[in-house]
Amino acid sequence: MAKKKIINKKDEDENSESEGGMSLDDAFGDDEGVEYAPSKPRKEKKKKKDEEGEDEEGIDENELEGELEEAEETEGKMGESGERNITVKASKLIAKIKKGDKIKIDGKEYEVDQHYVLMDHKTTKEMAIEIFDPKTDKDYQLRYFSDQANETLDLYELQEIIFVKKAFKKIEW
């Protein structure tokens, strides 16, 4: 028969401390005569400006702030009450929309570039329909959830590198 060894909490704590090597104080306790090098100064990134005061990457900071404020105002106008008054006139199921189809939003005609699953949430799919205005070549996205398309349909406009939500009242395909 094997004997059971009884370990109390105090013995266990002493063993765990000694097993890990020396403490930090012991390890760095004798560095009194050591002289460390000074840390390097932080480099600041400089943005190149062109003649008009814009960043070479594209857009002036003031202009960017203006666009963000405009986008926030648009969002506020369409979503403060929580009610959506969107009229949907569909000639076929939204899932059947494909590349080359035409979609009219508030009387303006757009062309479908792509229709795909943006994110699969197991019980439903978040879908995206990439559309563009053939006259101005601006890109947009229609996003919706597959299980409640008409209630969740949203329009986004691509501005620089981000999609900004836009209000609309009527859509038909």
N, C-alpha and C. Protein backbone atom coordinates (compact mmCIF):
# COMPACT_ATOMS: atom_id res chain seq x y z
N MET A 1 0.82 -1.16 0.00
CA MET A 1 0.00 0.00 0.00
C MET A 1 0.88 1.25 0.00
N ALA A 2 0.54 2.21 -0.83
CA ALA A 2 1.31 3.45 -0.93
C ALA A 2 0.87 4.41 0.16
N LYS A 3 1.87 5.12 0.72
CA LYS A 3 1.56 6.09 1.76
C LYS A 3 1.19 7.42 1.10
N LYS A 4 0.22 8.08 1.66
CA LYS A 4 -0.19 9.39 1.18
C LYS A 4 0.63 10.44 1.90
N LYS A 5 1.15 11.37 1.16
CA LYS A 5 1.89 12.47 1.75
C LYS A 5 0.94 13.64 1.92
N ILE A 6 0.88 14.15 3.09
CA ILE A 6 0.00 15.27 3.39
C ILE A 6 0.83 16.54 3.30
N ILE A 7 0.39 17.43 2.42
CA ILE A 7 1.07 18.71 2.23
C ILE A 7 0.14 19.80 2.70
N ASN A 8 0.60 20.60 3.62
CA ASN A 8 -0.25 21.70 4.04
C ASN A 8 0.05 22.93 3.19
N LYS A 9 -0.78 23.93 3.27
CA LYS A 9 -0.70 25.14 2.44
C LYS A 9 0.62 25.87 2.64
N LYS A 10 1.12 25.94 3.86
CA LYS A 10 2.36 26.67 4.15
C LYS A 10 3.55 26.03 3.44
N ASP A 11 3.66 24.69 3.48
CA ASP A 11 4.74 23.98 2.81
C ASP A 11 4.67 24.19 1.30
N GLU A 12 3.45 24.21 0.75
CA GLU A 12 3.26 24.37 -0.69
C GLU A 12 3.74 25.74 -1.16
N ASP A 13 3.44 26.81 -0.39
CA ASP A 13 3.86 28.16 -0.73
C ASP A 13 5.37 28.29 -0.71
N GLU A 14 6.02 27.71 0.29
CA GLU A 14 7.48 27.77 0.40
C GLU A 14 8.14 27.07 -0.77
N ASN A 15 7.59 25.93 -1.17
CA ASN A 15 8.15 25.17 -2.29
C ASN A 15 8.01 25.93 -3.60
N SER A 16 6.84 26.57 -3.83
CA SER A 16 6.64 27.27 -5.09
C SER A 16 7.55 28.48 -5.22
N GLU A 17 7.87 29.15 -4.10
CA GLU A 17 8.76 30.30 -4.14
C GLU A 17 10.18 29.88 -4.47
N SER A 18 10.63 28.80 -3.91
CA SER A 18 12.03 28.40 -4.10
C SER A 18 12.25 27.71 -5.44
N GLU A 19 11.21 27.17 -6.05
CA GLU A 19 11.36 26.45 -7.31
C GLU A 19 11.63 27.38 -8.49
N GLY A 20 11.20 28.61 -8.44
CA GLY A 20 11.29 29.50 -9.58
C GLY A 20 12.62 30.20 -9.74
N GLY A 21 13.62 29.92 -8.95
CA GLY A 21 14.90 30.60 -9.06
C GLY A 21 14.95 31.74 -8.07
N MET A 22 15.75 32.75 -8.37
CA MET A 22 15.89 33.85 -7.42
C MET A 22 14.85 34.94 -7.67
N SER A 23 14.65 35.76 -6.66
CA SER A 23 13.67 36.83 -6.77
C SER A 23 14.25 37.97 -7.61
N LEU A 24 13.42 38.91 -8.00
CA LEU A 24 13.86 40.05 -8.80
C LEU A 24 14.85 40.91 -8.02
N ASP A 25 14.59 41.08 -6.73
CA ASP A 25 15.51 41.87 -5.90
C ASP A 25 16.90 41.25 -5.88
N ASP A 26 16.95 39.92 -5.75
CA ASP A 26 18.24 39.25 -5.73
C ASP A 26 18.93 39.33 -7.09
N ALA A 27 18.14 39.20 -8.15
CA ALA A 27 18.71 39.19 -9.50
C ALA A 27 19.29 40.54 -9.88
N PHE A 28 18.64 41.63 -9.50
CA PHE A 28 19.09 42.96 -9.90
C PHE A 28 19.57 43.79 -8.71
N GLY A 29 19.86 43.15 -7.60
CA GLY A 29 20.24 43.86 -6.39
C GLY A 29 21.64 44.43 -6.40
N ASP A 30 22.54 43.88 -7.20
CA ASP A 30 23.93 44.35 -7.15
C ASP A 30 24.31 45.16 -8.39
N ASP A 31 23.42 46.00 -8.88
CA ASP A 31 23.72 46.81 -10.06
C ASP A 31 24.01 48.27 -9.69
N GLU A 32 24.54 48.50 -8.47
CA GLU A 32 24.80 49.85 -8.00
C GLU A 32 25.83 50.59 -8.84
N GLY A 33 26.87 49.92 -9.31
CA GLY A 33 27.92 50.58 -10.07
C GLY A 33 27.67 50.60 -11.56
N VAL A 34 26.51 50.07 -12.02
CA VAL A 34 26.21 49.98 -13.45
C VAL A 34 25.61 51.29 -13.92
N GLU A 35 26.12 51.80 -15.03
CA GLU A 35 25.59 53.04 -15.61
C GLU A 35 24.87 52.68 -16.91
N TYR A 36 23.58 52.97 -16.95
CA TYR A 36 22.78 52.64 -18.12
C TYR A 36 22.82 53.78 -19.14
N ALA A 37 22.71 53.43 -20.41
CA ALA A 37 22.70 54.43 -21.48
C ALA A 37 21.38 55.19 -21.45
N PRO A 38 21.39 56.47 -21.81
CA PRO A 38 20.12 57.23 -21.84
C PRO A 38 19.23 56.71 -22.97
N SER A 39 17.92 56.82 -22.77
CA SER A 39 17.00 56.35 -23.81
C SER A 39 17.05 57.30 -25.00
N LYS A 40 16.79 56.74 -26.17
CA LYS A 40 16.83 57.53 -27.40
C LYS A 40 15.63 58.47 -27.45
N PRO A 41 15.81 59.66 -28.01
CA PRO A 41 14.66 60.59 -28.14
C PRO A 41 13.67 60.03 -29.16
N ARG A 42 12.41 60.32 -28.93
CA ARG A 42 11.35 59.82 -29.79
C ARG A 42 11.33 60.60 -31.10
N LYS A 43 11.27 59.88 -32.20
CA LYS A 43 11.22 60.53 -33.51
C LYS A 43 9.78 60.85 -33.86
N GLU A 44 9.55 62.08 -34.30
CA GLU A 44 8.21 62.46 -34.72
C GLU A 44 8.11 62.34 -36.22
N LYS A 45 7.02 61.75 -36.65
CA LYS A 45 6.80 61.58 -38.09
C LYS A 45 6.36 62.90 -38.68
N LYS A 46 7.02 63.28 -39.75
CA LYS A 46 6.67 64.54 -40.42
C LYS A 46 5.82 64.23 -41.64
N LYS A 47 4.74 64.98 -41.79
CA LYS A 47 3.90 64.82 -42.96
C LYS A 47 4.33 65.82 -44.00
N LYS A 48 4.49 65.35 -45.21
CA LYS A 48 4.87 66.24 -46.30
C LYS A 48 3.65 67.01 -46.76
N LYS A 49 3.81 68.28 -46.98
CA LYS A 49 2.72 69.13 -47.46
C LYS A 49 3.03 69.60 -48.87
N ASP A 50 2.00 69.72 -49.67
CA ASP A 50 2.20 70.29 -51.00
C ASP A 50 1.94 71.79 -50.95
N GLU A 51 1.89 72.45 -52.09
CA GLU A 51 1.75 73.91 -52.13
C GLU A 51 0.46 74.41 -51.47
N GLU A 52 -0.61 73.62 -51.51
CA GLU A 52 -1.89 74.06 -50.99
C GLU A 52 -2.07 73.73 -49.51
N GLY A 53 -1.05 73.17 -48.88
CA GLY A 53 -1.14 72.85 -47.46
C GLY A 53 -1.80 71.51 -47.19
N GLU A 54 -2.00 70.69 -48.21
CA GLU A 54 -2.61 69.38 -48.01
C GLU A 54 -1.52 68.34 -47.81
N ASP A 55 -1.86 67.30 -47.05
CA ASP A 55 -0.95 66.18 -46.90
C ASP A 55 -0.82 65.51 -48.26
N GLU A 56 0.35 64.99 -48.54
CA GLU A 56 0.54 64.33 -49.83
C GLU A 56 -0.32 63.09 -49.95
N GLU A 57 -0.74 62.52 -48.81
CA GLU A 57 -1.57 61.33 -48.83
C GLU A 57 -2.95 61.62 -49.40
N GLY A 58 -3.37 62.87 -49.41
CA GLY A 58 -4.63 63.14 -50.07
C GLY A 58 -5.47 64.26 -49.51
N ILE A 59 -5.83 64.24 -48.25
CA ILE A 59 -6.88 65.12 -47.79
C ILE A 59 -6.39 65.97 -46.60
N ASP A 60 -6.76 67.23 -46.59
CA ASP A 60 -6.41 68.17 -45.53
C ASP A 60 -7.17 67.78 -44.26
N GLU A 61 -6.57 68.00 -43.10
CA GLU A 61 -7.21 67.64 -41.83
C GLU A 61 -8.53 68.38 -41.65
N ASN A 62 -8.56 69.67 -41.99
CA ASN A 62 -9.80 70.44 -41.86
C ASN A 62 -10.90 69.89 -42.76
N GLU A 63 -10.50 69.49 -43.96
CA GLU A 63 -11.47 68.93 -44.91
C GLU A 63 -12.02 67.61 -44.38
N LEU A 64 -11.13 66.79 -43.79
CA LEU A 64 -11.55 65.51 -43.23
C LEU A 64 -12.53 65.71 -42.08
N GLU A 65 -12.24 66.66 -41.20
CA GLU A 65 -13.14 66.96 -40.09
C GLU A 65 -14.50 67.42 -40.60
N GLY A 66 -14.49 68.24 -41.65
CA GLY A 66 -15.74 68.69 -42.25
C GLY A 66 -16.57 67.54 -42.79
N GLU A 67 -15.91 66.60 -43.46
CA GLU A 67 -16.62 65.45 -43.99
C GLU A 67 -17.20 64.58 -42.88
N LEU A 68 -16.42 64.41 -41.80
CA LEU A 68 -16.92 63.61 -40.68
C LEU A 68 -18.13 64.28 -40.02
N GLU A 69 -18.09 65.60 -39.86
CA GLU A 69 -19.22 66.32 -39.28
C GLU A 69 -20.45 66.18 -40.17
N GLU A 70 -20.25 66.29 -41.48
CA GLU A 70 -21.35 66.14 -42.43
C GLU A 70 -21.96 64.75 -42.34
N ALA A 71 -21.10 63.74 -42.24
CA ALA A 71 -21.58 62.36 -42.13
C ALA A 71 -22.36 62.15 -40.84
N GLU A 72 -21.89 62.74 -39.74
CA GLU A 72 -22.58 62.61 -38.46
C GLU A 72 -23.95 63.30 -38.51
N GLU A 73 -24.02 64.46 -39.19
CA GLU A 73 -25.30 65.16 -39.32
C GLU A 73 -26.28 64.33 -40.12
N THR A 74 -25.82 63.71 -41.20
CA THR A 74 -26.68 62.86 -42.02
C THR A 74 -27.19 61.69 -41.20
N GLU A 75 -26.29 61.06 -40.44
CA GLU A 75 -26.67 59.94 -39.59
C GLU A 75 -27.69 60.37 -38.55
N GLY A 76 -27.48 61.55 -37.96
CA GLY A 76 -28.40 62.05 -36.95
C GLY A 76 -29.79 62.29 -37.51
N LYS A 77 -29.87 62.82 -38.72
CA LYS A 77 -31.16 63.10 -39.35
C LYS A 77 -31.95 61.83 -39.61
N MET A 78 -31.23 60.74 -39.97
CA MET A 78 -31.95 59.55 -40.36
C MET A 78 -32.22 58.59 -39.21
N GLY A 79 -31.50 58.70 -38.09
CA GLY A 79 -31.63 57.66 -37.10
C GLY A 79 -32.03 58.09 -35.71
N GLU A 80 -32.32 59.36 -35.47
CA GLU A 80 -32.62 59.79 -34.11
C GLU A 80 -33.93 59.23 -33.60
N SER A 81 -34.95 59.19 -34.41
CA SER A 81 -36.24 58.71 -33.95
C SER A 81 -36.30 57.19 -33.92
N GLY A 82 -35.41 56.53 -34.65
CA GLY A 82 -35.39 55.08 -34.68
C GLY A 82 -36.33 54.50 -35.73
N GLU A 83 -37.19 55.33 -36.30
CA GLU A 83 -38.12 54.85 -37.32
C GLU A 83 -37.50 54.99 -38.70
N ARG A 84 -37.80 54.01 -39.54
CA ARG A 84 -37.31 54.03 -40.91
C ARG A 84 -38.51 54.00 -41.84
N ASN A 85 -38.59 54.97 -42.72
CA ASN A 85 -39.67 55.03 -43.69
C ASN A 85 -39.10 54.78 -45.07
N ILE A 86 -38.78 53.53 -45.34
CA ILE A 86 -38.19 53.16 -46.63
C ILE A 86 -39.22 52.36 -47.42
N THR A 87 -39.44 52.78 -48.67
CA THR A 87 -40.34 52.07 -49.56
C THR A 87 -39.50 51.15 -50.43
N VAL A 88 -39.85 49.86 -50.41
CA VAL A 88 -39.12 48.87 -51.20
C VAL A 88 -40.05 48.33 -52.27
N LYS A 89 -39.62 48.44 -53.53
CA LYS A 89 -40.39 47.89 -54.64
C LYS A 89 -39.49 46.86 -55.32
N ALA A 90 -39.81 45.60 -55.12
CA ALA A 90 -38.95 44.51 -55.59
C ALA A 90 -39.62 43.71 -56.71
N SER A 91 -38.90 43.52 -57.81
CA SER A 91 -39.41 42.70 -58.90
C SER A 91 -38.99 41.25 -58.74
N LYS A 92 -38.02 41.00 -57.84
CA LYS A 92 -37.57 39.64 -57.52
C LYS A 92 -36.99 39.65 -56.11
N LEU A 93 -36.70 38.48 -55.57
CA LEU A 93 -36.12 38.39 -54.24
C LEU A 93 -34.76 39.09 -54.21
N ILE A 94 -34.43 39.70 -53.08
CA ILE A 94 -33.16 40.41 -52.95
C ILE A 94 -31.98 39.45 -53.11
N ALA A 95 -32.16 38.21 -52.72
CA ALA A 95 -31.09 37.21 -52.83
C ALA A 95 -30.77 36.88 -54.29
N LYS A 96 -31.68 37.19 -55.20
CA LYS A 96 -31.49 36.90 -56.63
C LYS A 96 -30.80 38.03 -57.39
N ILE A 97 -30.52 39.14 -56.72
CA ILE A 97 -29.84 40.26 -57.38
C ILE A 97 -28.42 39.85 -57.70
N LYS A 98 -27.98 40.14 -58.95
CA LYS A 98 -26.64 39.73 -59.39
C LYS A 98 -25.95 40.85 -60.15
N LYS A 99 -24.70 40.63 -60.49
CA LYS A 99 -23.90 41.61 -61.21
C LYS A 99 -24.60 42.02 -62.51
N GLY A 100 -24.60 43.33 -62.78
CA GLY A 100 -25.22 43.85 -63.99
C GLY A 100 -26.65 44.31 -63.81
N ASP A 101 -27.32 43.88 -62.72
CA ASP A 101 -28.69 44.32 -62.46
C ASP A 101 -28.70 45.82 -62.13
N LYS A 102 -29.86 46.44 -62.34
CA LYS A 102 -30.02 47.87 -62.06
C LYS A 102 -30.85 48.04 -60.79
N ILE A 103 -30.44 48.99 -59.94
CA ILE A 103 -31.16 49.32 -58.72
C ILE A 103 -31.38 50.82 -58.72
N LYS A 104 -32.62 51.24 -58.44
CA LYS A 104 -32.95 52.66 -58.36
C LYS A 104 -33.11 53.04 -56.89
N ILE A 105 -32.38 54.07 -56.48
CA ILE A 105 -32.48 54.57 -55.11
C ILE A 105 -32.83 56.05 -55.20
N ASP A 106 -33.98 56.39 -54.67
CA ASP A 106 -34.50 57.77 -54.73
C ASP A 106 -34.47 58.32 -56.15
N GLY A 107 -34.84 57.50 -57.13
CA GLY A 107 -34.94 57.92 -58.52
C GLY A 107 -33.64 57.88 -59.30
N LYS A 108 -32.51 57.61 -58.66
CA LYS A 108 -31.22 57.57 -59.33
C LYS A 108 -30.85 56.11 -59.58
N GLU A 109 -30.39 55.81 -60.80
CA GLU A 109 -30.10 54.43 -61.17
C GLU A 109 -28.64 54.06 -60.92
N TYR A 110 -28.45 52.90 -60.29
CA TYR A 110 -27.13 52.35 -59.99
C TYR A 110 -27.01 50.97 -60.61
N GLU A 111 -25.78 50.52 -60.81
CA GLU A 111 -25.55 49.20 -61.37
C GLU A 111 -24.87 48.31 -60.33
N VAL A 112 -25.31 47.06 -60.25
CA VAL A 112 -24.75 46.11 -59.29
C VAL A 112 -23.40 45.60 -59.80
N ASP A 113 -22.42 45.67 -58.93
CA ASP A 113 -21.08 45.18 -59.25
C ASP A 113 -20.85 43.80 -58.65
N GLN A 114 -21.37 43.57 -57.43
CA GLN A 114 -21.14 42.31 -56.75
C GLN A 114 -22.18 42.14 -55.64
N HIS A 115 -22.53 40.89 -55.34
CA HIS A 115 -23.45 40.56 -54.25
C HIS A 115 -22.82 39.41 -53.48
N TYR A 116 -22.53 39.62 -52.18
CA TYR A 116 -21.81 38.60 -51.43
C TYR A 116 -22.15 38.62 -49.94
N VAL A 117 -21.71 37.58 -49.23
CA VAL A 117 -21.88 37.48 -47.79
C VAL A 117 -20.77 38.28 -47.13
N LEU A 118 -21.17 39.28 -46.36
CA LEU A 118 -20.20 40.11 -45.64
C LEU A 118 -19.73 39.39 -44.38
N MET A 119 -20.70 38.80 -43.65
CA MET A 119 -20.37 38.07 -42.44
C MET A 119 -21.46 37.03 -42.16
N ASP A 120 -21.04 35.82 -41.81
CA ASP A 120 -21.98 34.75 -41.49
C ASP A 120 -22.14 34.68 -39.97
N HIS A 121 -23.34 34.93 -39.49
CA HIS A 121 -23.62 34.92 -38.05
C HIS A 121 -24.35 33.65 -37.63
N LYS A 122 -24.14 32.55 -38.30
CA LYS A 122 -24.75 31.24 -38.05
C LYS A 122 -26.25 31.21 -38.30
N THR A 123 -27.03 32.02 -37.57
CA THR A 123 -28.49 32.00 -37.77
C THR A 123 -28.93 32.92 -38.90
N THR A 124 -28.10 33.89 -39.24
CA THR A 124 -28.40 34.81 -40.34
C THR A 124 -27.10 35.22 -41.01
N LYS A 125 -27.21 35.77 -42.19
CA LYS A 125 -26.04 36.25 -42.92
C LYS A 125 -26.16 37.75 -43.14
N GLU A 126 -25.05 38.46 -42.91
CA GLU A 126 -24.99 39.88 -43.20
C GLU A 126 -24.50 39.98 -44.64
N MET A 127 -25.34 40.54 -45.51
CA MET A 127 -25.06 40.57 -46.94
C MET A 127 -24.68 41.99 -47.39
N ALA A 128 -23.94 42.04 -48.49
CA ALA A 128 -23.56 43.33 -49.08
C ALA A 128 -23.75 43.27 -50.59
N ILE A 129 -24.33 44.31 -51.13
CA ILE A 129 -24.47 44.46 -52.57
C ILE A 129 -23.64 45.68 -52.95
N GLU A 130 -22.57 45.45 -53.68
CA GLU A 130 -21.72 46.55 -54.14
C GLU A 130 -22.38 47.14 -55.38
N ILE A 131 -22.63 48.45 -55.34
CA ILE A 131 -23.24 49.13 -56.49
C ILE A 131 -22.41 50.37 -56.81
N PHE A 132 -22.58 50.87 -58.02
CA PHE A 132 -21.88 52.10 -58.41
C PHE A 132 -22.75 52.92 -59.33
N ASP A 133 -22.46 54.22 -59.35
CA ASP A 133 -23.15 55.15 -60.22
C ASP A 133 -22.36 55.19 -61.53
N PRO A 134 -22.91 54.71 -62.64
CA PRO A 134 -22.16 54.67 -63.89
C PRO A 134 -21.76 56.06 -64.41
N LYS A 135 -22.50 57.09 -64.02
CA LYS A 135 -22.19 58.45 -64.49
C LYS A 135 -21.01 59.06 -63.74
N THR A 136 -20.98 58.89 -62.41
CA THR A 136 -19.91 59.50 -61.61
C THR A 136 -18.86 58.50 -61.17
N ASP A 137 -19.13 57.21 -61.34
CA ASP A 137 -18.25 56.11 -60.95
C ASP A 137 -18.00 56.09 -59.43
N LYS A 138 -18.95 56.60 -58.64
CA LYS A 138 -18.86 56.52 -57.18
C LYS A 138 -19.36 55.16 -56.73
N ASP A 139 -18.72 54.64 -55.67
CA ASP A 139 -19.07 53.32 -55.16
C ASP A 139 -19.96 53.41 -53.93
N TYR A 140 -20.90 52.47 -53.83
CA TYR A 140 -21.84 52.39 -52.72
C TYR A 140 -21.99 50.94 -52.31
N GLN A 141 -22.58 50.74 -51.14
CA GLN A 141 -22.90 49.39 -50.66
C GLN A 141 -24.30 49.39 -50.08
N LEU A 142 -25.06 48.38 -50.42
CA LEU A 142 -26.33 48.12 -49.77
C LEU A 142 -26.07 46.95 -48.83
N ARG A 143 -26.36 47.13 -47.56
CA ARG A 143 -26.13 46.06 -46.58
C ARG A 143 -27.46 45.68 -45.95
N TYR A 144 -27.62 44.38 -45.68
CA TYR A 144 -28.84 43.89 -45.06
C TYR A 144 -28.57 42.54 -44.42
N PHE A 145 -29.48 42.12 -43.54
CA PHE A 145 -29.41 40.79 -42.95
C PHE A 145 -30.40 39.91 -43.70
N SER A 146 -29.96 38.71 -44.05
CA SER A 146 -30.73 37.86 -44.94
C SER A 146 -32.10 37.46 -44.39
N ASP A 147 -32.26 37.38 -43.07
CA ASP A 147 -33.54 36.95 -42.53
C ASP A 147 -34.57 38.08 -42.41
N GLN A 148 -34.14 39.33 -42.54
CA GLN A 148 -35.08 40.47 -42.49
C GLN A 148 -34.55 41.60 -43.37
N ALA A 149 -34.47 41.33 -44.65
CA ALA A 149 -33.85 42.24 -45.61
C ALA A 149 -34.48 43.63 -45.64
N ASN A 150 -35.79 43.71 -45.80
CA ASN A 150 -36.45 45.01 -45.94
C ASN A 150 -36.32 45.88 -44.69
N GLU A 151 -36.29 45.27 -43.52
CA GLU A 151 -36.22 46.03 -42.27
C GLU A 151 -34.80 46.50 -41.95
N THR A 152 -33.79 45.83 -42.50
CA THR A 152 -32.40 46.14 -42.13
C THR A 152 -31.59 46.74 -43.28
N LEU A 153 -32.22 47.05 -44.39
CA LEU A 153 -31.52 47.57 -45.56
C LEU A 153 -30.93 48.95 -45.29
N ASP A 154 -29.61 49.09 -45.50
CA ASP A 154 -28.90 50.36 -45.30
C ASP A 154 -28.02 50.64 -46.51
N LEU A 155 -27.85 51.93 -46.82
CA LEU A 155 -27.02 52.37 -47.93
C LEU A 155 -25.77 53.06 -47.38
N TYR A 156 -24.62 52.71 -47.94
CA TYR A 156 -23.35 53.32 -47.54
C TYR A 156 -22.64 53.84 -48.78
N GLU A 157 -22.02 55.02 -48.65
CA GLU A 157 -21.24 55.60 -49.74
C GLU A 157 -19.77 55.53 -49.37
N LEU A 158 -18.94 55.13 -50.33
CA LEU A 158 -17.50 55.08 -50.10
C LEU A 158 -16.93 56.48 -50.23
N GLN A 159 -16.36 56.99 -49.13
CA GLN A 159 -15.72 58.31 -49.12
C GLN A 159 -14.27 58.10 -48.69
N GLU A 160 -13.34 58.38 -49.60
CA GLU A 160 -11.91 58.12 -49.39
C GLU A 160 -11.70 56.64 -49.13
N ILE A 161 -11.63 56.23 -47.85
CA ILE A 161 -11.36 54.82 -47.55
C ILE A 161 -12.41 54.20 -46.63
N ILE A 162 -13.44 54.95 -46.25
CA ILE A 162 -14.46 54.41 -45.36
C ILE A 162 -15.84 54.53 -45.98
N PHE A 163 -16.72 53.61 -45.59
CA PHE A 163 -18.11 53.68 -46.03
C PHE A 163 -18.90 54.49 -45.00
N VAL A 164 -19.64 55.49 -45.49
CA VAL A 164 -20.43 56.37 -44.63
C VAL A 164 -21.91 56.12 -44.93
N LYS A 165 -22.68 55.92 -43.87
CA LYS A 165 -24.10 55.63 -44.02
C LYS A 165 -24.84 56.82 -44.60
N LYS A 166 -25.73 56.55 -45.56
CA LYS A 166 -26.52 57.60 -46.21
C LYS A 166 -28.00 57.28 -46.05
N ALA A 167 -28.77 58.34 -45.95
CA ALA A 167 -30.23 58.19 -45.84
C ALA A 167 -30.84 58.03 -47.23
N PHE A 168 -31.89 57.24 -47.30
CA PHE A 168 -32.65 57.13 -48.54
C PHE A 168 -34.09 56.77 -48.18
N LYS A 169 -35.01 57.05 -49.12
CA LYS A 169 -36.43 56.84 -48.84
C LYS A 169 -37.05 55.73 -49.70
N LYS A 170 -36.56 55.58 -50.93
CA LYS A 170 -37.19 54.64 -51.84
C LYS A 170 -36.12 53.86 -52.59
N ILE A 171 -36.35 52.54 -52.70
CA ILE A 171 -35.44 51.68 -53.45
C ILE A 171 -36.27 50.69 -54.26
N GLU A 172 -35.80 50.45 -55.48
CA GLU A 172 -36.49 49.46 -56.33
C GLU A 172 -35.50 48.72 -57.22
N TRP A 173 -35.83 47.46 -57.47
CA TRP A 173 -35.02 46.64 -58.37
C TRP A 173 -35.91 45.68 -59.13
